[in-house]
């Protein structure tokens, strides 16, 4: 009996040791060569690897480890897809048809157009005032005391700043018109595509 145990116990220990041994893994290196081993170098974990048993049979596949750039790109793509799907739902739930989108666009453009007209009027008024002030300042020095000239120059400076602000506002509003046109054109095209595909 003791002799039998002495034989069985080492055999079980060897089997357990073999069970703990890492499986052989094979992969293709940068030169296109097939490489195998039971230890994978850190630089190779980025590659897809096949698990090979003692009979040489592939028992599984270890997927390639993704780089941080790949992980970030996939996460961004997932966020973009989620946002696109949410916006698709918004379009379908908000507008019953294309004319409704066009009406919304026209209302937005009309509001911007009204702001443009007001800003252009303010710009015209500012320039009339500036022309008047500069004309008064250009009169002979004897016609106005030094203090009055300083006051005129201060007002000219103020209206010059106002003129620049109006110019910036006009540019911003025109850009807004272009953006609205572009956004709604894309919305209409997307809405039609969604409707034609059954809203999916």
C-alpha atoms as a PDB file:
ATOM      1  CA  UNK A   1       0.000   0.000   0.000  1.00  0.00           C
ATOM      2  CA  UNK A   2       2.815   2.400   0.943  1.00  0.00           C
ATOM      3  CA  UNK A   3       4.542   1.603  -2.321  1.00  0.00           C
ATOM      4  CA  UNK A   4       1.386   2.335  -4.282  1.00  0.00           C
ATOM      5  CA  UNK A   5       0.936   5.762  -2.575  1.00  0.00           C
ATOM      6  CA  UNK A   6       4.572   6.623  -3.227  1.00  0.00           C
ATOM      7  CA  UNK A   7       3.900   6.052  -6.931  1.00  0.00           C
ATOM      8  CA  UNK A   8       0.522   7.817  -7.171  1.00  0.00           C
ATOM      9  CA  UNK A   9       1.344  10.998  -5.242  1.00  0.00           C
ATOM     10  CA  UNK A  10       4.312  12.090  -7.425  1.00  0.00           C
ATOM     11  CA  UNK A  11       2.223  11.361 -10.506  1.00  0.00           C
ATOM     12  CA  UNK A  12      -0.576  13.649  -9.284  1.00  0.00           C
ATOM     13  CA  UNK A  13       1.936  16.343  -8.406  1.00  0.00           C
ATOM     14  CA  UNK A  14       3.375  16.211 -11.914  1.00  0.00           C
ATOM     15  CA  UNK A  15      -0.097  16.425 -13.434  1.00  0.00           C
ATOM     16  CA  UNK A  16      -0.932  19.441 -11.300  1.00  0.00           C
ATOM     17  CA  UNK A  17       2.319  21.100 -12.322  1.00  0.00           C
ATOM     18  CA  UNK A  18       1.520  20.504 -15.967  1.00  0.00           C
ATOM     19  CA  UNK A  19      -1.964  21.957 -15.429  1.00  0.00           C
ATOM     20  CA  UNK A  20      -0.472  25.168 -14.115  1.00  0.00           C
ATOM     21  CA  UNK A  21       1.933  25.549 -17.019  1.00  0.00           C
ATOM     22  CA  UNK A  22       1.028  28.428 -19.332  1.00  0.00           C
ATOM     23  CA  UNK A  23      -0.310  27.265 -22.715  1.00  0.00           C
ATOM     24  CA  UNK A  24       1.785  27.736 -25.824  1.00  0.00           C
ATOM     25  CA  UNK A  25       0.800  30.830 -27.765  1.00  0.00           C
ATOM     26  CA  UNK A  26       1.614  31.567 -31.389  1.00  0.00           C
ATOM     27  CA  UNK A  27       1.566  34.877 -33.215  1.00  0.00           C
ATOM     28  CA  UNK A  28       2.992  36.559 -36.324  1.00  0.00           C
ATOM     29  CA  UNK A  29       5.767  39.090 -35.769  1.00  0.00           C
ATOM     30  CA  UNK A  30       6.597  42.268 -37.713  1.00  0.00           C
ATOM     31  CA  UNK A  31       8.594  40.273 -40.288  1.00  0.00           C
ATOM     32  CA  UNK A  32       5.706  37.917 -40.956  1.00  0.00           C
ATOM     33  CA  UNK A  33       7.319  35.026 -39.101  1.00  0.00           C
ATOM     34  CA  UNK A  34       5.308  32.622 -36.971  1.00  0.00           C
ATOM     35  CA  UNK A  35       6.543  32.759 -33.345  1.00  0.00           C
ATOM     36  CA  UNK A  36       5.431  30.462 -30.511  1.00  0.00           C
ATOM     37  CA  UNK A  37       6.155  30.280 -26.810  1.00  0.00           C
ATOM     38  CA  UNK A  38       4.611  29.837 -23.393  1.00  0.00           C
ATOM     39  CA  UNK A  39       5.695  33.364 -22.409  1.00  0.00           C
ATOM     40  CA  UNK A  40       4.593  36.324 -24.526  1.00  0.00           C
ATOM     41  CA  UNK A  41       6.984  39.298 -24.544  1.00  0.00           C
ATOM     42  CA  UNK A  42       5.278  42.557 -23.445  1.00  0.00           C
ATOM     43  CA  UNK A  43       5.836  44.062 -26.895  1.00  0.00           C
ATOM     44  CA  UNK A  44       3.855  41.219 -28.502  1.00  0.00           C
ATOM     45  CA  UNK A  45       0.666  41.370 -26.404  1.00  0.00           C
ATOM     46  CA  UNK A  46      -0.695  43.832 -28.925  1.00  0.00           C
ATOM     47  CA  UNK A  47      -0.959  40.986 -31.436  1.00  0.00           C
ATOM     48  CA  UNK A  48      -3.686  38.392 -31.831  1.00  0.00           C
ATOM     49  CA  UNK A  49      -2.411  35.024 -30.540  1.00  0.00           C
ATOM     50  CA  UNK A  50      -3.553  31.406 -30.946  1.00  0.00           C
ATOM     51  CA  UNK A  51      -3.567  29.058 -27.923  1.00  0.00           C
ATOM     52  CA  UNK A  52      -2.051  25.680 -28.802  1.00  0.00           C
ATOM     53  CA  UNK A  53      -2.433  22.500 -26.734  1.00  0.00           C
ATOM     54  CA  UNK A  54       0.104  19.663 -26.427  1.00  0.00           C
ATOM     55  CA  UNK A  55      -1.323  17.999 -29.519  1.00  0.00           C
ATOM     56  CA  UNK A  56      -0.734  21.151 -31.591  1.00  0.00           C
ATOM     57  CA  UNK A  57      -4.434  21.929 -31.795  1.00  0.00           C
ATOM     58  CA  UNK A  58      -5.677  25.522 -31.580  1.00  0.00           C
ATOM     59  CA  UNK A  59      -7.913  25.706 -28.513  1.00  0.00           C
ATOM     60  CA  UNK A  60      -8.638  29.416 -28.504  1.00  0.00           C
ATOM     61  CA  UNK A  61      -7.729  32.886 -29.703  1.00  0.00           C
ATOM     62  CA  UNK A  62      -6.405  35.716 -27.546  1.00  0.00           C
ATOM     63  CA  UNK A  63      -7.508  38.978 -29.186  1.00  0.00           C
ATOM     64  CA  UNK A  64      -4.913  41.636 -29.864  1.00  0.00           C
ATOM     65  CA  UNK A  65      -4.560  44.152 -27.085  1.00  0.00           C
ATOM     66  CA  UNK A  66      -5.874  47.531 -28.201  1.00  0.00           C
ATOM     67  CA  UNK A  67      -3.683  50.590 -28.002  1.00  0.00           C
ATOM     68  CA  UNK A  68      -4.777  53.592 -25.971  1.00  0.00           C
ATOM     69  CA  UNK A  69      -5.364  55.465 -29.216  1.00  0.00           C
ATOM     70  CA  UNK A  70      -7.662  52.674 -30.462  1.00  0.00           C
ATOM     71  CA  UNK A  71      -9.568  52.608 -27.181  1.00  0.00           C
ATOM     72  CA  UNK A  72     -10.053  56.375 -27.260  1.00  0.00           C
ATOM     73  CA  UNK A  73     -11.081  56.309 -30.941  1.00  0.00           C
ATOM     74  CA  UNK A  74     -13.672  53.597 -30.292  1.00  0.00           C
ATOM     75  CA  UNK A  75     -15.024  55.458 -27.272  1.00  0.00           C
ATOM     76  CA  UNK A  76     -15.336  58.640 -29.329  1.00  0.00           C
ATOM     77  CA  UNK A  77     -17.062  56.722 -32.130  1.00  0.00           C
ATOM     78  CA  UNK A  78     -19.519  55.259 -29.623  1.00  0.00           C
ATOM     79  CA  UNK A  79     -20.284  58.728 -28.242  1.00  0.00           C
ATOM     80  CA  UNK A  80     -20.715  60.128 -31.751  1.00  0.00           C
ATOM     81  CA  UNK A  81     -23.068  57.279 -32.689  1.00  0.00           C
ATOM     82  CA  UNK A  82     -25.111  57.817 -29.536  1.00  0.00           C
ATOM     83  CA  UNK A  83     -25.404  61.551 -30.199  1.00  0.00           C
ATOM     84  CA  UNK A  84     -26.392  60.938 -33.822  1.00  0.00           C
ATOM     85  CA  UNK A  85     -29.065  58.467 -32.801  1.00  0.00           C
ATOM     86  CA  UNK A  86     -30.387  60.890 -30.174  1.00  0.00           C
ATOM     87  CA  UNK A  87     -30.560  63.665 -32.767  1.00  0.00           C
ATOM     88  CA  UNK A  88     -32.318  61.361 -35.223  1.00  0.00           C
ATOM     89  CA  UNK A  89     -34.967  60.699 -32.570  1.00  0.00           C
ATOM     90  CA  UNK A  90     -35.271  64.435 -31.952  1.00  0.00           C
ATOM     91  CA  UNK A  91     -35.875  65.129 -35.650  1.00  0.00           C
ATOM     92  CA  UNK A  92     -38.524  62.435 -36.000  1.00  0.00           C
ATOM     93  CA  UNK A  93     -40.312  63.373 -32.780  1.00  0.00           C
ATOM     94  CA  UNK A  94     -40.203  67.145 -33.339  1.00  0.00           C
ATOM     95  CA  UNK A  95     -41.220  67.513 -36.984  1.00  0.00           C
ATOM     96  CA  UNK A  96     -44.209  65.843 -38.673  1.00  0.00           C
ATOM     97  CA  UNK A  97     -42.868  66.575 -42.164  1.00  0.00           C
ATOM     98  CA  UNK A  98     -40.293  68.520 -44.193  1.00  0.00           C
ATOM     99  CA  UNK A  99     -42.436  71.707 -44.498  1.00  0.00           C
ATOM    100  CA  UNK A 100     -42.451  71.906 -40.695  1.00  0.00           C
ATOM    101  CA  UNK A 101     -38.640  71.927 -40.689  1.00  0.00           C
ATOM    102  CA  UNK A 102     -38.631  74.597 -43.388  1.00  0.00           C
ATOM    103  CA  UNK A 103     -41.004  76.755 -41.347  1.00  0.00           C
ATOM    104  CA  UNK A 104     -38.731  76.448 -38.319  1.00  0.00           C
ATOM    105  CA  UNK A 105     -35.763  77.437 -40.486  1.00  0.00           C
ATOM    106  CA  UNK A 106     -37.595  80.456 -41.915  1.00  0.00           C
ATOM    107  CA  UNK A 107     -38.579  81.630 -38.437  1.00  0.00           C
ATOM    108  CA  UNK A 108     -34.977  81.429 -37.255  1.00  0.00           C
ATOM    109  CA  UNK A 109     -33.738  83.268 -40.332  1.00  0.00           C
ATOM    110  CA  UNK A 110     -36.406  85.956 -39.946  1.00  0.00           C
ATOM    111  CA  UNK A 111     -35.307  86.594 -36.359  1.00  0.00           C
ATOM    112  CA  UNK A 112     -31.678  86.956 -37.430  1.00  0.00           C
ATOM    113  CA  UNK A 113     -32.713  89.181 -40.350  1.00  0.00           C
ATOM    114  CA  UNK A 114     -34.539  91.508 -37.946  1.00  0.00           C
ATOM    115  CA  UNK A 115     -31.391  91.780 -35.817  1.00  0.00           C
ATOM    116  CA  UNK A 116     -29.381  92.504 -38.939  1.00  0.00           C
ATOM    117  CA  UNK A 117     -31.684  95.349 -39.961  1.00  0.00           C
ATOM    118  CA  UNK A 118     -31.487  96.899 -36.483  1.00  0.00           C
ATOM    119  CA  UNK A 119     -27.700  96.597 -36.426  1.00  0.00           C
ATOM    120  CA  UNK A 120     -27.368  98.091 -39.898  1.00  0.00           C
ATOM    121  CA  UNK A 121     -29.557 101.032 -38.786  1.00  0.00           C
ATOM    122  CA  UNK A 122     -27.384 101.518 -35.708  1.00  0.00           C
ATOM    123  CA  UNK A 123     -24.292 101.382 -37.897  1.00  0.00           C
ATOM    124  CA  UNK A 124     -25.689 103.994 -40.287  1.00  0.00           C
ATOM    125  CA  UNK A 125     -26.607 106.300 -37.397  1.00  0.00           C
ATOM    126  CA  UNK A 126     -23.171 105.856 -35.849  1.00  0.00           C
ATOM    127  CA  UNK A 127     -21.439 106.755 -39.086  1.00  0.00           C
ATOM    128  CA  UNK A 128     -23.590 109.858 -39.568  1.00  0.00           C
ATOM    129  CA  UNK A 129     -22.695 110.981 -36.054  1.00  0.00           C
ATOM    130  CA  UNK A 130     -19.018 110.228 -36.625  1.00  0.00           C
ATOM    131  CA  UNK A 131     -18.987 112.253 -39.835  1.00  0.00           C
ATOM    132  CA  UNK A 132     -20.590 115.185 -38.019  1.00  0.00           C
ATOM    133  CA  UNK A 133     -18.164 115.016 -35.095  1.00  0.00           C
ATOM    134  CA  UNK A 134     -15.143 114.751 -37.352  1.00  0.00           C
ATOM    135  CA  UNK A 135     -16.395 117.667 -39.414  1.00  0.00           C
ATOM    136  CA  UNK A 136     -16.767 119.810 -36.298  1.00  0.00           C
ATOM    137  CA  UNK A 137     -13.320 118.827 -35.114  1.00  0.00           C
ATOM    138  CA  UNK A 138     -11.812 119.741 -38.491  1.00  0.00           C
ATOM    139  CA  UNK A 139     -12.997 123.343 -38.245  1.00  0.00           C
ATOM    140  CA  UNK A 140     -10.356 126.019 -37.588  1.00  0.00           C
ATOM    141  CA  UNK A 141      -8.947 125.860 -34.061  1.00  0.00           C
ATOM    142  CA  UNK A 142     -10.117 129.423 -33.357  1.00  0.00           C
ATOM    143  CA  UNK A 143     -13.722 128.305 -33.803  1.00  0.00           C
ATOM    144  CA  UNK A 144     -13.694 126.066 -30.724  1.00  0.00           C
ATOM    145  CA  UNK A 145     -11.844 126.183 -27.405  1.00  0.00           C
ATOM    146  CA  UNK A 146      -9.300 123.466 -26.595  1.00  0.00           C
ATOM    147  CA  UNK A 147     -11.613 121.909 -24.002  1.00  0.00           C
ATOM    148  CA  UNK A 148     -14.364 121.563 -26.606  1.00  0.00           C
ATOM    149  CA  UNK A 149     -11.951 119.942 -29.036  1.00  0.00           C
ATOM    150  CA  UNK A 150     -10.948 117.421 -26.363  1.00  0.00           C
ATOM    151  CA  UNK A 151     -14.613 116.644 -25.759  1.00  0.00           C
ATOM    152  CA  UNK A 152     -15.208 116.167 -29.473  1.00  0.00           C
ATOM    153  CA  UNK A 153     -12.251 113.800 -29.758  1.00  0.00           C
ATOM    154  CA  UNK A 154     -13.516 111.760 -26.806  1.00  0.00           C
ATOM    155  CA  UNK A 155     -16.924 111.361 -28.455  1.00  0.00           C
ATOM    156  CA  UNK A 156     -15.289 110.472 -31.760  1.00  0.00           C
ATOM    157  CA  UNK A 157     -13.314 107.752 -29.974  1.00  0.00           C
ATOM    158  CA  UNK A 158     -16.486 106.412 -28.387  1.00  0.00           C
ATOM    159  CA  UNK A 159     -18.374 106.282 -31.674  1.00  0.00           C
ATOM    160  CA  UNK A 160     -15.375 104.724 -33.416  1.00  0.00           C
ATOM    161  CA  UNK A 161     -15.491 101.879 -30.902  1.00  0.00           C
ATOM    162  CA  UNK A 162     -19.242 101.588 -31.430  1.00  0.00           C
ATOM    163  CA  UNK A 163     -18.718 101.401 -35.195  1.00  0.00           C
ATOM    164  CA  UNK A 164     -16.232  98.534 -34.759  1.00  0.00           C
ATOM    165  CA  UNK A 165     -18.689  96.732 -32.460  1.00  0.00           C
ATOM    166  CA  UNK A 166     -21.451  97.088 -35.053  1.00  0.00           C
ATOM    167  CA  UNK A 167     -19.179  95.665 -37.743  1.00  0.00           C
ATOM    168  CA  UNK A 168     -18.417  92.633 -35.570  1.00  0.00           C
ATOM    169  CA  UNK A 169     -22.105  92.155 -34.812  1.00  0.00           C
ATOM    170  CA  UNK A 170     -22.988  92.306 -38.509  1.00  0.00           C
ATOM    171  CA  UNK A 171     -20.343  89.708 -39.359  1.00  0.00           C
ATOM    172  CA  UNK A 172     -21.562  87.442 -36.561  1.00  0.00           C
ATOM    173  CA  UNK A 173     -25.185  87.720 -37.692  1.00  0.00           C
ATOM    174  CA  UNK A 174     -24.306  86.953 -41.311  1.00  0.00           C
ATOM    175  CA  UNK A 175     -22.320  83.942 -40.171  1.00  0.00           C
ATOM    176  CA  UNK A 176     -25.349  82.902 -38.137  1.00  0.00           C
ATOM    177  CA  UNK A 177     -27.541  83.075 -41.252  1.00  0.00           C
ATOM    178  CA  UNK A 178     -25.102  80.845 -43.142  1.00  0.00           C
ATOM    179  CA  UNK A 179     -24.910  78.392 -40.248  1.00  0.00           C
ATOM    180  CA  UNK A 180     -28.703  78.180 -39.914  1.00  0.00           C
ATOM    181  CA  UNK A 181     -29.071  77.527 -43.653  1.00  0.00           C
ATOM    182  CA  UNK A 182     -26.453  74.786 -43.512  1.00  0.00           C
ATOM    183  CA  UNK A 183     -27.795  73.156 -40.328  1.00  0.00           C
ATOM    184  CA  UNK A 184     -31.350  73.018 -41.614  1.00  0.00           C
ATOM    185  CA  UNK A 185     -30.250  71.741 -45.027  1.00  0.00           C
ATOM    186  CA  UNK A 186     -28.523  68.828 -43.277  1.00  0.00           C
ATOM    187  CA  UNK A 187     -31.544  68.284 -41.030  1.00  0.00           C
ATOM    188  CA  UNK A 188     -33.892  68.132 -44.005  1.00  0.00           C
ATOM    189  CA  UNK A 189     -31.637  65.689 -45.855  1.00  0.00           C
ATOM    190  CA  UNK A 190     -31.304  63.493 -42.761  1.00  0.00           C
ATOM    191  CA  UNK A 191     -35.042  63.648 -42.049  1.00  0.00           C
ATOM    192  CA  UNK A 192     -35.840  62.499 -45.590  1.00  0.00           C
ATOM    193  CA  UNK A 193     -33.332  59.651 -45.296  1.00  0.00           C
ATOM    194  CA  UNK A 194     -34.819  58.541 -41.983  1.00  0.00           C
ATOM    195  CA  UNK A 195     -38.364  58.644 -43.341  1.00  0.00           C
ATOM    196  CA  UNK A 196     -37.421  56.749 -46.470  1.00  0.00           C
ATOM    197  CA  UNK A 197     -35.790  54.018 -44.356  1.00  0.00           C
ATOM    198  CA  UNK A 198     -38.754  53.738 -42.018  1.00  0.00           C
ATOM    199  CA  UNK A 199     -37.314  55.962 -39.296  1.00  0.00           C
ATOM    200  CA  UNK A 200     -34.513  53.624 -38.279  1.00  0.00           C
END
